[in-house]
Amino acid sequence: MALWHADTTLGDVDAVVIPGGFSYGDYLRAGAISRFAPLMSKIIDAANSDARLPVLGICNGFQILTESHLLPGSMIKNDHLKFMCRDQILRVENNTTAWTGDYAAGQEITVPLKNQDGQYIADEKTLDDLEAEGRVVFRYVGWNPNGSRRDIAGIANAAGNVVGLMPHPEHAVEAGFGPEDGSGTEGLGFFTSVLNKIVGDNK
């Protein structure tokens, strides 16, 4: 089911994916204007409700989640000040979220990375808290492509239903169309994980 930024209801959805791309107003600060879309207030309420709606933010979606304070920290321009497009190895640091249950802790996956404002930053206390609480979900392996603090590629909220990451797992879900290294389908686990979570919760 497709949702539009101006919608005022989530309808009958079981999860929400906020995709990547360049949203309106990114020239001011990535995700800063999109955070005020009417639909975002509904997503924020649903994510924070007792039902804990699963929400995944990818790339620009991650930026929107930080701007809306569903996730801490912020995104700024890559430390090399250039757009980056490459296949990137990630290590799964937390496989207990709604979006990572089908991965093994410590598993390494390869998914495409495409960003310009991909450098994750936060103050040292926030970073220490994320580490201590197991809320760093993904970390860059081999090379930090954008200068993100502590090689962080993705994080979760305390409940584990909201996850944001800079790389693009949705571009690694079909053999022959994903990264050449590995199976090319190593992003598929995000979506099977949330489906299994939803099915399990509804039993």
N, C-alpha and C. Protein backbone atom coordinates (compact mmCIF):
# COMPACT_ATOMS: atom_id res chain seq x y z
N MET A 1 0.85 -1.19 0.00
CA MET A 1 0.00 0.00 0.00
C MET A 1 0.88 1.25 0.00
N ALA A 2 0.68 2.12 -0.95
CA ALA A 2 1.45 3.35 -1.03
C ALA A 2 0.78 4.44 -0.20
N LEU A 3 1.59 5.17 0.56
CA LEU A 3 1.10 6.29 1.34
C LEU A 3 1.71 7.57 0.77
N TRP A 4 0.93 8.66 0.83
CA TRP A 4 1.36 9.95 0.30
C TRP A 4 1.68 10.87 1.47
N HIS A 5 2.66 11.76 1.29
CA HIS A 5 3.11 12.60 2.41
C HIS A 5 1.98 13.46 2.99
N ALA A 6 0.99 13.80 2.17
CA ALA A 6 -0.10 14.66 2.64
C ALA A 6 -1.26 13.86 3.24
N ASP A 7 -1.16 12.52 3.24
CA ASP A 7 -2.22 11.72 3.85
C ASP A 7 -2.34 12.04 5.34
N THR A 8 -3.54 11.89 5.86
CA THR A 8 -3.77 12.16 7.27
C THR A 8 -4.11 10.90 8.05
N THR A 9 -3.99 9.76 7.40
CA THR A 9 -4.21 8.48 8.08
C THR A 9 -3.26 7.44 7.51
N LEU A 10 -2.88 6.49 8.33
CA LEU A 10 -2.01 5.41 7.89
C LEU A 10 -2.77 4.27 7.25
N GLY A 11 -4.09 4.32 7.34
CA GLY A 11 -4.88 3.22 6.81
C GLY A 11 -4.64 1.96 7.63
N ASP A 12 -4.74 0.84 6.99
CA ASP A 12 -4.64 -0.45 7.70
C ASP A 12 -3.27 -1.09 7.45
N VAL A 13 -2.20 -0.35 7.70
CA VAL A 13 -0.86 -0.88 7.45
C VAL A 13 -0.31 -1.56 8.71
N ASP A 14 0.55 -2.54 8.50
CA ASP A 14 1.19 -3.25 9.62
C ASP A 14 2.62 -2.79 9.84
N ALA A 15 3.19 -2.04 8.90
CA ALA A 15 4.55 -1.53 9.00
C ALA A 15 4.70 -0.40 7.99
N VAL A 16 5.71 0.43 8.19
CA VAL A 16 5.96 1.55 7.28
C VAL A 16 7.44 1.57 6.91
N VAL A 17 7.71 1.73 5.60
CA VAL A 17 9.07 1.95 5.12
C VAL A 17 9.13 3.36 4.53
N ILE A 18 10.02 4.19 5.09
CA ILE A 18 10.25 5.52 4.54
C ILE A 18 11.47 5.40 3.63
N PRO A 19 11.29 5.52 2.32
CA PRO A 19 12.36 5.16 1.38
C PRO A 19 13.41 6.25 1.23
N GLY A 20 14.45 5.90 0.50
CA GLY A 20 15.48 6.86 0.17
C GLY A 20 15.09 7.71 -1.02
N GLY A 21 15.98 8.60 -1.40
CA GLY A 21 15.71 9.57 -2.46
C GLY A 21 15.98 10.95 -1.89
N PHE A 22 15.79 11.96 -2.68
CA PHE A 22 16.01 13.34 -2.22
C PHE A 22 14.65 14.01 -2.06
N SER A 23 14.28 14.29 -0.83
CA SER A 23 12.96 14.87 -0.60
C SER A 23 13.01 16.40 -0.68
N TYR A 24 11.85 16.99 -0.87
CA TYR A 24 11.74 18.44 -1.00
C TYR A 24 12.34 19.12 0.22
N GLY A 25 13.17 20.14 0.00
CA GLY A 25 13.75 20.89 1.09
C GLY A 25 15.06 20.34 1.60
N ASP A 26 15.59 19.30 0.97
CA ASP A 26 16.86 18.74 1.42
C ASP A 26 18.00 19.75 1.33
N TYR A 27 17.85 20.75 0.47
CA TYR A 27 18.91 21.75 0.35
C TYR A 27 19.02 22.59 1.62
N LEU A 28 17.97 22.60 2.44
CA LEU A 28 18.04 23.28 3.74
C LEU A 28 18.77 22.41 4.76
N ARG A 29 18.27 21.19 4.90
CA ARG A 29 18.88 20.15 5.73
C ARG A 29 18.13 18.87 5.44
N ALA A 30 18.86 17.81 5.18
CA ALA A 30 18.23 16.58 4.72
C ALA A 30 17.16 16.10 5.70
N GLY A 31 15.94 15.97 5.20
CA GLY A 31 14.84 15.46 6.00
C GLY A 31 14.12 16.49 6.85
N ALA A 32 14.65 17.73 6.91
CA ALA A 32 14.11 18.72 7.84
C ALA A 32 12.69 19.17 7.47
N ILE A 33 12.40 19.29 6.19
CA ILE A 33 11.06 19.71 5.77
C ILE A 33 10.11 18.51 5.76
N SER A 34 10.61 17.37 5.28
CA SER A 34 9.77 16.17 5.23
C SER A 34 9.27 15.76 6.61
N ARG A 35 10.03 16.09 7.64
CA ARG A 35 9.62 15.75 9.00
C ARG A 35 8.25 16.35 9.33
N PHE A 36 7.88 17.47 8.67
CA PHE A 36 6.62 18.15 8.96
C PHE A 36 5.48 17.73 8.04
N ALA A 37 5.70 16.72 7.19
CA ALA A 37 4.61 16.22 6.36
C ALA A 37 3.49 15.72 7.26
N PRO A 38 2.22 15.95 6.88
CA PRO A 38 1.10 15.51 7.72
C PRO A 38 1.17 14.04 8.12
N LEU A 39 1.62 13.20 7.20
CA LEU A 39 1.66 11.77 7.50
C LEU A 39 2.67 11.44 8.60
N MET A 40 3.73 12.25 8.72
CA MET A 40 4.77 11.94 9.70
C MET A 40 4.23 11.99 11.13
N SER A 41 3.31 12.87 11.41
CA SER A 41 2.76 12.91 12.77
C SER A 41 2.04 11.62 13.10
N LYS A 42 1.38 11.02 12.10
CA LYS A 42 0.70 9.74 12.31
C LYS A 42 1.71 8.61 12.52
N ILE A 43 2.81 8.66 11.75
CA ILE A 43 3.85 7.64 11.89
C ILE A 43 4.50 7.74 13.27
N ILE A 44 4.79 8.95 13.71
CA ILE A 44 5.40 9.16 15.03
C ILE A 44 4.50 8.61 16.12
N ASP A 45 3.21 8.94 16.06
CA ASP A 45 2.26 8.47 17.08
C ASP A 45 2.18 6.94 17.08
N ALA A 46 2.11 6.34 15.88
CA ALA A 46 1.96 4.89 15.79
C ALA A 46 3.23 4.17 16.25
N ALA A 47 4.39 4.74 15.94
CA ALA A 47 5.64 4.12 16.36
C ALA A 47 5.82 4.17 17.87
N ASN A 48 5.31 5.23 18.49
CA ASN A 48 5.45 5.40 19.93
C ASN A 48 4.30 4.82 20.73
N SER A 49 3.28 4.32 20.04
CA SER A 49 2.11 3.78 20.72
C SER A 49 2.41 2.41 21.32
N ASP A 50 1.48 1.89 22.09
CA ASP A 50 1.64 0.56 22.67
C ASP A 50 1.78 -0.51 21.58
N ALA A 51 1.19 -0.25 20.41
CA ALA A 51 1.26 -1.22 19.31
C ALA A 51 2.66 -1.27 18.69
N ARG A 52 3.46 -0.22 18.87
CA ARG A 52 4.83 -0.17 18.36
C ARG A 52 4.91 -0.52 16.88
N LEU A 53 4.27 0.29 16.05
CA LEU A 53 4.30 0.07 14.60
C LEU A 53 5.75 -0.02 14.12
N PRO A 54 6.13 -1.09 13.40
CA PRO A 54 7.48 -1.16 12.84
C PRO A 54 7.68 -0.08 11.76
N VAL A 55 8.77 0.65 11.87
CA VAL A 55 9.10 1.71 10.92
C VAL A 55 10.56 1.56 10.52
N LEU A 56 10.80 1.55 9.21
CA LEU A 56 12.16 1.47 8.67
C LEU A 56 12.42 2.72 7.84
N GLY A 57 13.51 3.42 8.13
CA GLY A 57 13.93 4.57 7.35
C GLY A 57 15.21 4.26 6.62
N ILE A 58 15.21 4.38 5.30
CA ILE A 58 16.36 4.06 4.47
C ILE A 58 16.91 5.34 3.85
N CYS A 59 18.19 5.62 4.06
CA CYS A 59 18.86 6.77 3.47
C CYS A 59 18.15 8.06 3.84
N ASN A 60 17.47 8.71 2.90
CA ASN A 60 16.72 9.92 3.23
C ASN A 60 15.66 9.63 4.29
N GLY A 61 15.14 8.41 4.30
CA GLY A 61 14.20 8.02 5.34
C GLY A 61 14.84 8.01 6.71
N PHE A 62 16.10 7.61 6.80
CA PHE A 62 16.86 7.66 8.05
C PHE A 62 17.01 9.11 8.50
N GLN A 63 17.33 9.98 7.55
CA GLN A 63 17.46 11.40 7.87
C GLN A 63 16.14 11.96 8.42
N ILE A 64 15.03 11.56 7.83
CA ILE A 64 13.72 12.02 8.30
C ILE A 64 13.44 11.50 9.71
N LEU A 65 13.83 10.26 10.00
CA LEU A 65 13.61 9.70 11.34
C LEU A 65 14.41 10.45 12.40
N THR A 66 15.63 10.89 12.07
CA THR A 66 16.38 11.67 13.05
C THR A 66 15.77 13.07 13.21
N GLU A 67 15.34 13.67 12.12
CA GLU A 67 14.72 14.99 12.19
C GLU A 67 13.41 14.96 12.99
N SER A 68 12.70 13.84 12.91
CA SER A 68 11.43 13.72 13.63
C SER A 68 11.62 13.21 15.06
N HIS A 69 12.88 12.97 15.44
CA HIS A 69 13.25 12.54 16.79
C HIS A 69 12.74 11.14 17.14
N LEU A 70 12.40 10.36 16.12
CA LEU A 70 12.15 8.95 16.39
C LEU A 70 13.46 8.22 16.64
N LEU A 71 14.55 8.77 16.10
CA LEU A 71 15.89 8.25 16.34
C LEU A 71 16.80 9.43 16.71
N PRO A 72 17.79 9.19 17.58
CA PRO A 72 18.66 10.29 18.00
C PRO A 72 19.76 10.57 16.98
N GLY A 73 20.41 11.72 17.16
CA GLY A 73 21.52 12.08 16.29
C GLY A 73 21.06 12.85 15.07
N SER A 74 21.97 12.98 14.12
CA SER A 74 21.67 13.75 12.91
C SER A 74 22.56 13.27 11.78
N MET A 75 22.21 13.69 10.57
CA MET A 75 22.99 13.34 9.39
C MET A 75 23.53 14.63 8.77
N ILE A 76 24.82 14.62 8.43
CA ILE A 76 25.41 15.76 7.74
C ILE A 76 26.13 15.25 6.48
N LYS A 77 26.69 16.18 5.72
CA LYS A 77 27.34 15.80 4.46
C LYS A 77 28.50 14.85 4.73
N ASN A 78 28.73 13.96 3.76
CA ASN A 78 29.86 13.04 3.85
C ASN A 78 31.15 13.81 4.12
N ASP A 79 32.04 13.21 4.87
CA ASP A 79 33.26 13.93 5.26
C ASP A 79 34.12 14.30 4.06
N HIS A 80 33.97 13.60 2.93
CA HIS A 80 34.73 13.94 1.72
C HIS A 80 33.95 14.88 0.80
N LEU A 81 32.72 15.24 1.22
CA LEU A 81 31.89 16.23 0.52
C LEU A 81 31.52 15.83 -0.90
N LYS A 82 31.45 14.51 -1.15
CA LYS A 82 31.07 14.01 -2.46
C LYS A 82 29.95 13.00 -2.33
N PHE A 83 29.15 12.88 -3.39
CA PHE A 83 28.16 11.81 -3.46
C PHE A 83 28.89 10.48 -3.57
N MET A 84 28.40 9.49 -2.83
CA MET A 84 29.04 8.17 -2.79
C MET A 84 28.07 7.12 -3.28
N CYS A 85 28.52 6.26 -4.19
CA CYS A 85 27.71 5.15 -4.69
C CYS A 85 28.61 3.93 -4.81
N ARG A 86 28.34 2.89 -4.00
CA ARG A 86 29.17 1.69 -4.01
C ARG A 86 28.45 0.57 -3.28
N ASP A 87 28.91 -0.65 -3.49
CA ASP A 87 28.45 -1.76 -2.67
C ASP A 87 29.19 -1.70 -1.35
N GLN A 88 28.45 -1.90 -0.25
CA GLN A 88 29.03 -1.72 1.07
C GLN A 88 28.77 -2.92 1.96
N ILE A 89 29.81 -3.39 2.64
CA ILE A 89 29.65 -4.46 3.62
C ILE A 89 29.20 -3.87 4.95
N LEU A 90 28.18 -4.48 5.53
CA LEU A 90 27.68 -4.09 6.85
C LEU A 90 27.76 -5.29 7.78
N ARG A 91 28.00 -5.01 9.05
CA ARG A 91 27.91 -6.05 10.06
C ARG A 91 26.65 -5.85 10.88
N VAL A 92 25.89 -6.92 11.05
CA VAL A 92 24.66 -6.87 11.85
C VAL A 92 25.07 -6.92 13.33
N GLU A 93 24.89 -5.81 14.02
CA GLU A 93 25.26 -5.72 15.43
C GLU A 93 24.11 -6.12 16.35
N ASN A 94 22.88 -5.95 15.88
CA ASN A 94 21.70 -6.24 16.70
C ASN A 94 20.67 -6.96 15.82
N ASN A 95 20.40 -8.21 16.14
CA ASN A 95 19.42 -8.97 15.35
C ASN A 95 18.12 -9.20 16.13
N THR A 96 17.84 -8.31 17.08
CA THR A 96 16.62 -8.45 17.88
C THR A 96 15.58 -7.39 17.55
N THR A 97 15.82 -6.56 16.52
CA THR A 97 14.83 -5.56 16.15
C THR A 97 13.76 -6.17 15.25
N ALA A 98 12.71 -5.40 15.02
CA ALA A 98 11.63 -5.87 14.14
C ALA A 98 12.12 -6.11 12.72
N TRP A 99 13.24 -5.49 12.35
CA TRP A 99 13.71 -5.53 10.97
C TRP A 99 14.95 -6.39 10.77
N THR A 100 15.46 -7.02 11.83
CA THR A 100 16.72 -7.76 11.70
C THR A 100 16.65 -9.17 12.26
N GLY A 101 15.48 -9.65 12.61
CA GLY A 101 15.34 -10.95 13.26
C GLY A 101 15.79 -12.13 12.42
N ASP A 102 15.83 -11.98 11.11
CA ASP A 102 16.23 -13.10 10.24
C ASP A 102 17.73 -13.11 9.95
N TYR A 103 18.46 -12.20 10.57
CA TYR A 103 19.92 -12.20 10.46
C TYR A 103 20.53 -12.79 11.73
N ALA A 104 21.77 -13.21 11.62
CA ALA A 104 22.53 -13.65 12.79
C ALA A 104 23.35 -12.48 13.31
N ALA A 105 23.48 -12.38 14.62
CA ALA A 105 24.34 -11.35 15.20
C ALA A 105 25.76 -11.55 14.69
N GLY A 106 26.37 -10.48 14.20
CA GLY A 106 27.72 -10.55 13.66
C GLY A 106 27.77 -10.90 12.19
N GLN A 107 26.62 -11.23 11.58
CA GLN A 107 26.59 -11.56 10.16
C GLN A 107 26.99 -10.35 9.33
N GLU A 108 27.73 -10.58 8.25
CA GLU A 108 28.09 -9.51 7.34
C GLU A 108 27.30 -9.64 6.05
N ILE A 109 26.71 -8.53 5.63
CA ILE A 109 25.90 -8.50 4.41
C ILE A 109 26.41 -7.37 3.51
N THR A 110 26.16 -7.51 2.22
CA THR A 110 26.57 -6.49 1.25
C THR A 110 25.32 -5.89 0.60
N VAL A 111 25.18 -4.57 0.71
CA VAL A 111 24.06 -3.86 0.10
C VAL A 111 24.59 -2.57 -0.53
N PRO A 112 23.88 -2.01 -1.51
CA PRO A 112 24.33 -0.76 -2.10
C PRO A 112 24.24 0.41 -1.13
N LEU A 113 25.14 1.35 -1.31
CA LEU A 113 25.16 2.60 -0.54
C LEU A 113 25.17 3.75 -1.53
N LYS A 114 24.26 4.70 -1.35
CA LYS A 114 24.18 5.84 -2.27
C LYS A 114 23.77 7.06 -1.46
N ASN A 115 24.71 7.96 -1.15
CA ASN A 115 24.32 9.11 -0.33
C ASN A 115 25.27 10.28 -0.51
N GLN A 116 24.79 11.41 -0.11
CA GLN A 116 25.57 12.65 -0.08
C GLN A 116 25.62 13.21 1.33
N ASP A 117 24.51 13.05 2.06
CA ASP A 117 24.43 13.51 3.44
C ASP A 117 24.33 12.28 4.34
N GLY A 118 25.37 11.44 4.31
CA GLY A 118 25.29 10.15 4.97
C GLY A 118 26.12 10.02 6.23
N GLN A 119 26.72 11.10 6.68
CA GLN A 119 27.58 11.04 7.86
C GLN A 119 26.74 11.15 9.13
N TYR A 120 26.67 10.04 9.88
CA TYR A 120 25.88 10.03 11.11
C TYR A 120 26.70 10.63 12.25
N ILE A 121 26.10 11.61 12.94
CA ILE A 121 26.77 12.25 14.07
C ILE A 121 25.84 12.30 15.27
N ALA A 122 26.44 12.33 16.44
CA ALA A 122 25.72 12.53 17.70
C ALA A 122 26.76 12.89 18.75
N ASP A 123 26.32 13.47 19.86
CA ASP A 123 27.26 13.79 20.93
C ASP A 123 27.75 12.50 21.57
N GLU A 124 28.85 12.60 22.30
CA GLU A 124 29.49 11.41 22.86
C GLU A 124 28.58 10.65 23.82
N LYS A 125 27.77 11.35 24.59
CA LYS A 125 26.87 10.66 25.52
C LYS A 125 25.84 9.85 24.75
N THR A 126 25.28 10.42 23.70
CA THR A 126 24.31 9.69 22.89
C THR A 126 24.96 8.46 22.26
N LEU A 127 26.16 8.62 21.73
CA LEU A 127 26.87 7.49 21.14
C LEU A 127 27.14 6.41 22.18
N ASP A 128 27.57 6.83 23.37
CA ASP A 128 27.83 5.86 24.44
C ASP A 128 26.55 5.13 24.83
N ASP A 129 25.43 5.86 24.89
CA ASP A 129 24.15 5.24 25.24
C ASP A 129 23.72 4.24 24.17
N LEU A 130 23.86 4.60 22.90
CA LEU A 130 23.51 3.69 21.81
C LEU A 130 24.32 2.41 21.90
N GLU A 131 25.59 2.54 22.18
CA GLU A 131 26.46 1.36 22.30
C GLU A 131 26.06 0.52 23.50
N ALA A 132 25.86 1.16 24.64
CA ALA A 132 25.56 0.44 25.88
C ALA A 132 24.22 -0.27 25.82
N GLU A 133 23.26 0.32 25.12
CA GLU A 133 21.91 -0.23 25.03
C GLU A 133 21.72 -1.17 23.85
N GLY A 134 22.78 -1.43 23.10
CA GLY A 134 22.69 -2.32 21.95
C GLY A 134 21.85 -1.78 20.82
N ARG A 135 21.82 -0.47 20.68
CA ARG A 135 20.97 0.15 19.66
C ARG A 135 21.71 0.48 18.38
N VAL A 136 23.00 0.20 18.32
CA VAL A 136 23.71 0.24 17.04
C VAL A 136 23.35 -1.05 16.32
N VAL A 137 22.65 -0.94 15.23
CA VAL A 137 22.12 -2.12 14.53
C VAL A 137 23.05 -2.57 13.41
N PHE A 138 23.68 -1.62 12.73
CA PHE A 138 24.60 -1.95 11.64
C PHE A 138 25.84 -1.07 11.74
N ARG A 139 26.97 -1.67 11.36
CA ARG A 139 28.23 -0.94 11.34
C ARG A 139 28.93 -1.20 10.01
N TYR A 140 29.60 -0.16 9.48
CA TYR A 140 30.36 -0.31 8.25
C TYR A 140 31.58 -1.22 8.50
N VAL A 141 31.87 -2.07 7.54
CA VAL A 141 33.00 -3.00 7.63
C VAL A 141 33.96 -2.71 6.48
N GLY A 142 35.25 -2.70 6.80
CA GLY A 142 36.27 -2.53 5.78
C GLY A 142 36.63 -1.10 5.49
N TRP A 143 35.64 -0.23 5.46
CA TRP A 143 35.88 1.18 5.16
C TRP A 143 34.65 1.97 5.59
N ASN A 144 34.88 3.10 6.21
CA ASN A 144 33.80 4.00 6.58
C ASN A 144 33.60 4.97 5.41
N PRO A 145 32.50 4.85 4.66
CA PRO A 145 32.38 5.59 3.40
C PRO A 145 31.97 7.05 3.54
N ASN A 146 31.59 7.48 4.74
CA ASN A 146 31.09 8.85 4.87
C ASN A 146 31.51 9.56 6.15
N GLY A 147 32.32 8.90 6.98
CA GLY A 147 32.79 9.54 8.20
C GLY A 147 31.88 9.39 9.39
N SER A 148 30.87 8.53 9.29
CA SER A 148 29.93 8.35 10.40
C SER A 148 30.66 7.98 11.68
N ARG A 149 30.21 8.57 12.79
CA ARG A 149 30.83 8.31 14.07
C ARG A 149 30.78 6.82 14.40
N ARG A 150 31.89 6.30 14.84
CA ARG A 150 32.04 4.91 15.29
C ARG A 150 31.61 3.90 14.22
N ASP A 151 31.73 4.30 12.97
CA ASP A 151 31.40 3.43 11.83
C ASP A 151 29.93 3.00 11.83
N ILE A 152 29.07 3.81 12.43
CA ILE A 152 27.65 3.46 12.55
C ILE A 152 26.94 3.63 11.21
N ALA A 153 26.30 2.57 10.75
CA ALA A 153 25.52 2.60 9.51
C ALA A 153 24.03 2.60 9.78
N GLY A 154 23.60 2.16 10.97
CA GLY A 154 22.18 2.11 11.29
C GLY A 154 21.96 1.94 12.77
N ILE A 155 20.84 2.50 13.25
CA ILE A 155 20.52 2.44 14.68
C ILE A 155 19.04 2.14 14.85
N ALA A 156 18.65 1.87 16.10
CA ALA A 156 17.25 1.58 16.43
C ALA A 156 16.82 2.43 17.62
N ASN A 157 15.51 2.52 17.81
CA ASN A 157 15.00 3.12 19.05
C ASN A 157 15.07 2.08 20.16
N ALA A 158 14.72 2.48 21.36
CA ALA A 158 14.85 1.58 22.51
C ALA A 158 13.97 0.35 22.37
N ALA A 159 12.80 0.49 21.76
CA ALA A 159 11.87 -0.63 21.63
C ALA A 159 12.24 -1.57 20.48
N GLY A 160 13.08 -1.12 19.56
CA GLY A 160 13.51 -1.96 18.45
C GLY A 160 12.54 -2.02 17.29
N ASN A 161 11.46 -1.24 17.34
CA ASN A 161 10.51 -1.25 16.22
C ASN A 161 10.86 -0.21 15.16
N VAL A 162 11.67 0.78 15.52
CA VAL A 162 12.09 1.81 14.57
C VAL A 162 13.58 1.63 14.28
N VAL A 163 13.90 1.46 13.01
CA VAL A 163 15.29 1.29 12.58
C VAL A 163 15.56 2.23 11.42
N GLY A 164 16.72 2.86 11.45
CA GLY A 164 17.15 3.69 10.34
C GLY A 164 18.55 3.30 9.92
N LEU A 165 18.79 3.29 8.62
CA LEU A 165 20.14 3.02 8.12
C LEU A 165 20.38 3.78 6.83
N MET A 166 21.64 4.06 6.55
CA MET A 166 21.97 4.82 5.36
C MET A 166 22.01 3.96 4.09
N PRO A 167 22.61 2.75 4.09
CA PRO A 167 22.60 1.93 2.87
C PRO A 167 21.20 1.45 2.47
N HIS A 168 21.10 0.86 1.28
CA HIS A 168 19.82 0.53 0.66
C HIS A 168 19.58 -0.98 0.58
N PRO A 169 18.98 -1.60 1.59
CA PRO A 169 18.71 -3.04 1.50
C PRO A 169 17.70 -3.40 0.42
N GLU A 170 16.82 -2.47 0.08
CA GLU A 170 15.79 -2.75 -0.94
C GLU A 170 16.40 -2.94 -2.33
N HIS A 171 17.66 -2.57 -2.49
CA HIS A 171 18.35 -2.76 -3.77
C HIS A 171 19.21 -4.02 -3.75
N ALA A 172 18.94 -4.89 -2.78
CA ALA A 172 19.65 -6.17 -2.72
C ALA A 172 18.66 -7.25 -2.31
N VAL A 173 17.61 -7.39 -3.10
CA VAL A 173 16.55 -8.35 -2.77
C VAL A 173 16.27 -9.34 -3.89
N GLU A 174 16.93 -9.18 -5.04
CA GLU A 174 16.65 -10.04 -6.18
C GLU A 174 17.96 -10.45 -6.85
N ALA A 175 18.19 -11.74 -6.97
CA ALA A 175 19.42 -12.24 -7.56
C ALA A 175 19.60 -11.68 -8.97
N GLY A 176 20.81 -11.23 -9.27
CA GLY A 176 21.09 -10.69 -10.58
C GLY A 176 20.92 -9.19 -10.68
N PHE A 177 20.32 -8.59 -9.66
CA PHE A 177 20.07 -7.15 -9.70
C PHE A 177 20.67 -6.43 -8.49
N GLY A 178 21.28 -7.18 -7.58
CA GLY A 178 21.90 -6.58 -6.41
C GLY A 178 23.41 -6.56 -6.55
N PRO A 179 24.11 -6.39 -5.43
CA PRO A 179 25.58 -6.37 -5.47
C PRO A 179 26.16 -7.65 -6.08
N GLU A 180 27.29 -7.51 -6.76
CA GLU A 180 27.93 -8.67 -7.38
C GLU A 180 28.56 -9.57 -6.33
N ASP A 181 29.06 -8.98 -5.25
CA ASP A 181 29.63 -9.79 -4.17
C ASP A 181 28.50 -10.44 -3.39
N GLY A 182 28.68 -11.68 -2.99
CA GLY A 182 27.64 -12.37 -2.22
C GLY A 182 26.50 -12.81 -3.12
N SER A 183 25.34 -13.02 -2.53
CA SER A 183 24.19 -13.55 -3.26
C SER A 183 23.45 -12.49 -4.06
N GLY A 184 23.66 -11.22 -3.71
CA GLY A 184 22.88 -10.15 -4.32
C GLY A 184 21.52 -9.96 -3.69
N THR A 185 21.20 -10.80 -2.71
CA THR A 185 19.87 -10.73 -2.07
C THR A 185 19.99 -10.56 -0.56
N GLU A 186 21.10 -10.03 -0.11
CA GLU A 186 21.35 -9.98 1.33
C GLU A 186 20.56 -8.90 2.05
N GLY A 187 19.84 -8.06 1.31
CA GLY A 187 18.95 -7.10 1.94
C GLY A 187 17.56 -7.65 2.19
N LEU A 188 17.28 -8.82 1.65
CA LEU A 188 15.94 -9.40 1.75
C LEU A 188 15.54 -9.67 3.20
N GLY A 189 16.52 -9.95 4.04
CA GLY A 189 16.24 -10.28 5.43
C GLY A 189 15.51 -9.19 6.19
N PHE A 190 15.68 -7.92 5.78
CA PHE A 190 14.93 -6.84 6.42
C PHE A 190 13.43 -7.10 6.32
N PHE A 191 13.01 -7.49 5.15
CA PHE A 191 11.59 -7.57 4.84
C PHE A 191 10.98 -8.89 5.30
N THR A 192 11.76 -9.97 5.23
CA THR A 192 11.27 -11.22 5.81
C THR A 192 11.21 -11.11 7.33
N SER A 193 12.14 -10.37 7.90
CA SER A 193 12.14 -10.19 9.37
C SER A 193 10.87 -9.51 9.83
N VAL A 194 10.50 -8.41 9.18
CA VAL A 194 9.32 -7.69 9.66
C VAL A 194 8.04 -8.48 9.37
N LEU A 195 8.01 -9.22 8.25
CA LEU A 195 6.84 -10.06 7.97
C LEU A 195 6.69 -11.14 9.04
N ASN A 196 7.79 -11.77 9.41
CA ASN A 196 7.73 -12.80 10.46
C ASN A 196 7.33 -12.20 11.80
N LYS A 197 7.80 -10.99 12.07
CA LYS A 197 7.43 -10.29 13.30
C LYS A 197 5.93 -10.02 13.34
N ILE A 198 5.38 -9.53 12.23
CA ILE A 198 3.95 -9.21 12.16
C ILE A 198 3.12 -10.47 12.32
N VAL A 199 3.49 -11.54 11.60
CA VAL A 199 2.77 -12.80 11.68
C VAL A 199 2.82 -13.34 13.10
N GLY A 200 4.00 -13.28 13.72
CA GLY A 200 4.14 -13.79 15.07
C GLY A 200 3.31 -13.02 16.08
N ASP A 201 3.25 -11.70 15.91
CA ASP A 201 2.47 -10.86 16.83
C ASP A 201 0.98 -11.10 16.67
N ASN A 202 0.54 -11.53 15.48
CA ASN A 202 -0.89 -11.70 15.22
C ASN A 202 -1.40 -13.11 15.50
N LYS A 203 -0.52 -14.00 15.93
CA LYS A 203 -0.97 -15.36 16.24
C LYS A 203 -1.74 -15.38 17.55
